[in-house]
Amino acid sequence: MTVNAISAHEFADLYKQGALDESYIMDVREPYEWEVGHLKKANHMPMNTVPERLVELDRDQTIFVMCAHGVRSWHVTQFLLNHGFEKIVNVEGGMAEVAPYIEE
């Protein structure tokens, strides 16, 4: 199954333009990582909680999944695609690459 992906730079541009305001930005990092810093428009859903929280997600909404470097988010995008979600996009490079482009 192919995972749709977006570069950190492209994601940051869309985020700053407000083009992602109708989308769901899912940050799957651990709580301690979230506390260090996160995007204001992101929703925190640690990777290990995703299976039990699927009902919280809107299958019709585009979901951008991010983590620290893009590895955990890739696994979560695979999981969501395997569970019938279609509008899933992995943010490549994660917060490590997105953060330098976005000042909040």
N, C-alpha and C. Protein backbone atom coordinates (compact mmCIF):
# COMPACT_ATOMS: atom_id res chain seq x y z
N MET A 1 0.84 -1.18 0.00
CA MET A 1 0.00 0.00 0.00
C MET A 1 0.89 1.24 0.00
N THR A 2 0.61 2.18 -0.86
CA THR A 2 1.41 3.39 -0.98
C THR A 2 0.94 4.43 0.03
N VAL A 3 1.90 5.00 0.70
CA VAL A 3 1.60 6.06 1.66
C VAL A 3 1.85 7.39 0.99
N ASN A 4 0.84 8.26 1.02
CA ASN A 4 1.04 9.61 0.52
C ASN A 4 1.95 10.34 1.49
N ALA A 5 2.83 11.16 0.95
CA ALA A 5 3.76 11.89 1.79
C ALA A 5 3.90 13.33 1.31
N ILE A 6 4.33 14.18 2.23
CA ILE A 6 4.57 15.58 1.92
C ILE A 6 5.90 15.95 2.57
N SER A 7 6.67 16.77 1.89
CA SER A 7 7.94 17.20 2.46
C SER A 7 7.68 18.18 3.60
N ALA A 8 8.64 18.27 4.49
CA ALA A 8 8.52 19.19 5.63
C ALA A 8 8.34 20.63 5.14
N HIS A 9 9.08 21.00 4.12
CA HIS A 9 9.01 22.36 3.61
C HIS A 9 7.63 22.66 3.02
N GLU A 10 7.11 21.73 2.22
CA GLU A 10 5.79 21.93 1.61
C GLU A 10 4.70 21.97 2.69
N PHE A 11 4.80 21.07 3.67
CA PHE A 11 3.85 21.06 4.78
C PHE A 11 3.88 22.40 5.50
N ALA A 12 5.08 22.89 5.81
CA ALA A 12 5.22 24.16 6.54
C ALA A 12 4.62 25.32 5.75
N ASP A 13 4.85 25.34 4.44
CA ASP A 13 4.27 26.40 3.61
C ASP A 13 2.75 26.38 3.67
N LEU A 14 2.16 25.20 3.51
CA LEU A 14 0.70 25.08 3.56
C LEU A 14 0.17 25.45 4.95
N TYR A 15 0.87 25.03 5.99
CA TYR A 15 0.48 25.32 7.37
C TYR A 15 0.45 26.83 7.60
N LYS A 16 1.51 27.52 7.18
CA LYS A 16 1.61 28.96 7.40
C LYS A 16 0.56 29.73 6.59
N GLN A 17 0.18 29.19 5.44
CA GLN A 17 -0.83 29.84 4.60
C GLN A 17 -2.25 29.60 5.12
N GLY A 18 -2.39 28.69 6.08
CA GLY A 18 -3.71 28.35 6.58
C GLY A 18 -4.42 27.32 5.72
N ALA A 19 -3.70 26.76 4.74
CA ALA A 19 -4.30 25.80 3.81
C ALA A 19 -4.62 24.46 4.48
N LEU A 20 -4.10 24.23 5.68
CA LEU A 20 -4.35 22.96 6.37
C LEU A 20 -5.38 23.11 7.49
N ASP A 21 -5.99 24.28 7.59
CA ASP A 21 -6.92 24.54 8.70
C ASP A 21 -8.12 23.61 8.72
N GLU A 22 -8.51 23.08 7.57
CA GLU A 22 -9.64 22.15 7.51
C GLU A 22 -9.19 20.71 7.66
N SER A 23 -7.89 20.52 7.75
CA SER A 23 -7.32 19.17 7.90
C SER A 23 -7.09 18.87 9.37
N TYR A 24 -6.76 17.62 9.64
CA TYR A 24 -6.45 17.17 11.00
C TYR A 24 -4.96 16.88 11.05
N ILE A 25 -4.24 17.58 11.89
CA ILE A 25 -2.81 17.35 12.03
C ILE A 25 -2.62 16.50 13.28
N MET A 26 -2.13 15.29 13.09
CA MET A 26 -1.95 14.34 14.18
C MET A 26 -0.48 14.22 14.53
N ASP A 27 -0.15 14.56 15.76
CA ASP A 27 1.22 14.44 16.26
C ASP A 27 1.28 13.17 17.10
N VAL A 28 2.02 12.18 16.64
CA VAL A 28 2.03 10.87 17.31
C VAL A 28 3.23 10.68 18.25
N ARG A 29 3.90 11.77 18.57
CA ARG A 29 5.04 11.67 19.47
C ARG A 29 4.58 11.39 20.91
N GLU A 30 5.54 11.03 21.73
CA GLU A 30 5.27 10.76 23.14
C GLU A 30 4.98 12.07 23.88
N PRO A 31 4.28 11.98 25.03
CA PRO A 31 3.94 13.19 25.78
C PRO A 31 5.15 14.08 26.10
N TYR A 32 6.28 13.50 26.46
CA TYR A 32 7.44 14.33 26.80
C TYR A 32 7.95 15.09 25.57
N GLU A 33 7.80 14.51 24.38
CA GLU A 33 8.21 15.19 23.15
C GLU A 33 7.24 16.33 22.83
N TRP A 34 5.96 16.08 23.02
CA TRP A 34 4.91 17.07 22.80
C TRP A 34 5.13 18.28 23.70
N GLU A 35 5.48 18.01 24.97
CA GLU A 35 5.68 19.10 25.94
C GLU A 35 6.85 20.00 25.55
N VAL A 36 7.87 19.45 24.93
CA VAL A 36 9.03 20.24 24.52
C VAL A 36 8.63 21.26 23.46
N GLY A 37 7.69 20.88 22.60
CA GLY A 37 7.23 21.79 21.57
C GLY A 37 6.35 21.09 20.56
N HIS A 38 5.31 21.79 20.11
CA HIS A 38 4.40 21.24 19.12
C HIS A 38 3.73 22.37 18.35
N LEU A 39 3.11 22.03 17.25
CA LEU A 39 2.38 23.01 16.46
C LEU A 39 1.06 23.32 17.14
N LYS A 40 0.69 24.58 17.14
CA LYS A 40 -0.56 25.00 17.81
C LYS A 40 -1.79 24.30 17.23
N LYS A 41 -1.75 24.03 15.93
CA LYS A 41 -2.92 23.44 15.26
C LYS A 41 -2.89 21.91 15.27
N ALA A 42 -1.88 21.33 15.92
CA ALA A 42 -1.75 19.87 15.95
C ALA A 42 -2.59 19.26 17.07
N ASN A 43 -2.94 18.01 16.87
CA ASN A 43 -3.68 17.22 17.86
C ASN A 43 -2.76 16.11 18.34
N HIS A 44 -2.64 15.99 19.65
CA HIS A 44 -1.71 14.99 20.20
C HIS A 44 -2.40 13.64 20.34
N MET A 45 -1.84 12.64 19.68
CA MET A 45 -2.33 11.27 19.77
C MET A 45 -1.13 10.34 19.70
N PRO A 46 -0.50 10.08 20.86
CA PRO A 46 0.69 9.22 20.84
C PRO A 46 0.45 7.93 20.06
N MET A 47 1.49 7.50 19.38
CA MET A 47 1.40 6.34 18.49
C MET A 47 0.70 5.14 19.15
N ASN A 48 1.06 4.84 20.39
CA ASN A 48 0.51 3.65 21.04
C ASN A 48 -0.96 3.79 21.40
N THR A 49 -1.53 4.99 21.28
CA THR A 49 -2.95 5.19 21.60
C THR A 49 -3.84 5.20 20.36
N VAL A 50 -3.23 5.24 19.18
CA VAL A 50 -4.00 5.36 17.94
C VAL A 50 -5.04 4.25 17.77
N PRO A 51 -4.68 2.97 17.96
CA PRO A 51 -5.68 1.91 17.74
C PRO A 51 -6.96 2.08 18.57
N GLU A 52 -6.83 2.51 19.81
CA GLU A 52 -8.01 2.66 20.67
C GLU A 52 -8.73 3.98 20.45
N ARG A 53 -8.14 4.87 19.67
CA ARG A 53 -8.74 6.20 19.46
C ARG A 53 -9.22 6.43 18.02
N LEU A 54 -9.30 5.37 17.23
CA LEU A 54 -9.74 5.51 15.84
C LEU A 54 -11.09 6.20 15.71
N VAL A 55 -11.98 5.97 16.67
CA VAL A 55 -13.32 6.56 16.60
C VAL A 55 -13.29 8.09 16.68
N GLU A 56 -12.19 8.65 17.15
CA GLU A 56 -12.06 10.11 17.25
C GLU A 56 -11.73 10.75 15.90
N LEU A 57 -11.35 9.94 14.92
CA LEU A 57 -10.91 10.46 13.64
C LEU A 57 -12.03 10.47 12.61
N ASP A 58 -12.07 11.53 11.83
CA ASP A 58 -13.06 11.69 10.76
C ASP A 58 -12.48 11.11 9.47
N ARG A 59 -13.08 10.05 8.98
CA ARG A 59 -12.57 9.38 7.77
C ARG A 59 -12.68 10.26 6.52
N ASP A 60 -13.48 11.31 6.56
CA ASP A 60 -13.63 12.19 5.42
C ASP A 60 -12.65 13.36 5.43
N GLN A 61 -11.95 13.53 6.54
CA GLN A 61 -11.02 14.64 6.69
C GLN A 61 -9.60 14.18 6.33
N THR A 62 -8.85 15.05 5.67
CA THR A 62 -7.46 14.73 5.39
C THR A 62 -6.68 14.79 6.70
N ILE A 63 -5.89 13.74 6.96
CA ILE A 63 -5.12 13.65 8.19
C ILE A 63 -3.63 13.67 7.85
N PHE A 64 -2.93 14.66 8.39
CA PHE A 64 -1.49 14.76 8.24
C PHE A 64 -0.87 14.19 9.51
N VAL A 65 -0.04 13.16 9.36
CA VAL A 65 0.55 12.48 10.51
C VAL A 65 2.01 12.87 10.63
N MET A 66 2.40 13.30 11.84
CA MET A 66 3.79 13.67 12.05
C MET A 66 4.31 13.14 13.38
N CYS A 67 5.63 12.98 13.43
CA CYS A 67 6.30 12.55 14.65
C CYS A 67 7.59 13.37 14.75
N ALA A 68 8.62 12.81 15.33
CA ALA A 68 9.88 13.54 15.47
C ALA A 68 10.67 13.60 14.17
N HIS A 69 10.77 12.46 13.47
CA HIS A 69 11.60 12.39 12.27
C HIS A 69 10.92 11.74 11.07
N GLY A 70 9.68 11.28 11.21
CA GLY A 70 8.96 10.71 10.07
C GLY A 70 8.86 9.20 10.04
N VAL A 71 9.44 8.52 11.02
CA VAL A 71 9.40 7.05 11.02
C VAL A 71 8.13 6.54 11.69
N ARG A 72 7.86 6.99 12.90
CA ARG A 72 6.63 6.56 13.58
C ARG A 72 5.40 7.00 12.80
N SER A 73 5.45 8.20 12.24
CA SER A 73 4.30 8.68 11.46
C SER A 73 4.07 7.81 10.24
N TRP A 74 5.14 7.31 9.62
CA TRP A 74 4.99 6.41 8.48
C TRP A 74 4.24 5.16 8.91
N HIS A 75 4.61 4.60 10.06
CA HIS A 75 3.94 3.40 10.56
C HIS A 75 2.47 3.67 10.87
N VAL A 76 2.18 4.83 11.44
CA VAL A 76 0.79 5.19 11.75
C VAL A 76 0.00 5.38 10.46
N THR A 77 0.59 5.99 9.44
CA THR A 77 -0.13 6.16 8.18
C THR A 77 -0.46 4.79 7.58
N GLN A 78 0.48 3.86 7.66
CA GLN A 78 0.22 2.50 7.18
C GLN A 78 -0.95 1.87 7.95
N PHE A 79 -0.92 2.01 9.25
CA PHE A 79 -1.97 1.45 10.10
C PHE A 79 -3.33 2.05 9.73
N LEU A 80 -3.39 3.36 9.57
CA LEU A 80 -4.66 4.01 9.23
C LEU A 80 -5.16 3.58 7.85
N LEU A 81 -4.27 3.50 6.90
CA LEU A 81 -4.66 3.04 5.56
C LEU A 81 -5.20 1.62 5.62
N ASN A 82 -4.56 0.78 6.41
CA ASN A 82 -5.02 -0.61 6.56
C ASN A 82 -6.35 -0.72 7.29
N HIS A 83 -6.76 0.35 7.95
CA HIS A 83 -8.04 0.37 8.66
C HIS A 83 -9.08 1.24 7.94
N GLY A 84 -8.90 1.40 6.65
CA GLY A 84 -9.93 2.03 5.83
C GLY A 84 -9.87 3.53 5.67
N PHE A 85 -8.88 4.18 6.26
CA PHE A 85 -8.74 5.61 6.06
C PHE A 85 -8.05 5.83 4.72
N GLU A 86 -8.50 6.83 3.98
CA GLU A 86 -7.96 7.05 2.64
C GLU A 86 -7.20 8.36 2.50
N LYS A 87 -7.56 9.36 3.28
CA LYS A 87 -6.95 10.69 3.15
C LYS A 87 -5.88 10.87 4.22
N ILE A 88 -4.80 10.11 4.09
CA ILE A 88 -3.72 10.10 5.07
C ILE A 88 -2.44 10.57 4.40
N VAL A 89 -1.72 11.48 5.05
CA VAL A 89 -0.48 12.01 4.49
C VAL A 89 0.60 12.00 5.58
N ASN A 90 1.72 11.37 5.27
CA ASN A 90 2.85 11.35 6.19
C ASN A 90 3.69 12.60 5.98
N VAL A 91 4.03 13.28 7.08
CA VAL A 91 4.89 14.46 7.01
C VAL A 91 6.34 13.98 7.14
N GLU A 92 7.04 14.01 6.02
CA GLU A 92 8.42 13.50 5.98
C GLU A 92 9.34 14.39 6.81
N GLY A 93 10.22 13.75 7.57
CA GLY A 93 11.18 14.49 8.37
C GLY A 93 10.66 14.92 9.73
N GLY A 94 9.34 14.86 9.90
CA GLY A 94 8.72 15.18 11.19
C GLY A 94 9.05 16.57 11.72
N MET A 95 8.85 16.73 13.03
CA MET A 95 9.06 18.02 13.67
C MET A 95 10.50 18.50 13.52
N ALA A 96 11.45 17.58 13.45
CA ALA A 96 12.85 17.96 13.30
C ALA A 96 13.06 18.81 12.05
N GLU A 97 12.33 18.49 11.00
CA GLU A 97 12.48 19.25 9.75
C GLU A 97 11.44 20.34 9.58
N VAL A 98 10.26 20.18 10.21
CA VAL A 98 9.20 21.18 10.08
C VAL A 98 9.48 22.40 10.95
N ALA A 99 9.93 22.19 12.18
CA ALA A 99 10.10 23.27 13.15
C ALA A 99 10.91 24.46 12.65
N PRO A 100 12.01 24.25 11.93
CA PRO A 100 12.78 25.42 11.47
C PRO A 100 12.00 26.35 10.52
N TYR A 101 10.97 25.81 9.88
CA TYR A 101 10.18 26.61 8.93
C TYR A 101 9.01 27.34 9.59
N ILE A 102 8.65 26.94 10.80
CA ILE A 102 7.45 27.50 11.44
C ILE A 102 7.81 28.09 12.79
N GLU A 103 7.50 29.37 12.94
CA GLU A 103 7.69 30.03 14.25
C GLU A 103 6.32 30.36 14.80
N GLU A 104 6.03 29.79 15.98
CA GLU A 104 4.72 30.05 16.60
C GLU A 104 4.93 30.56 18.01
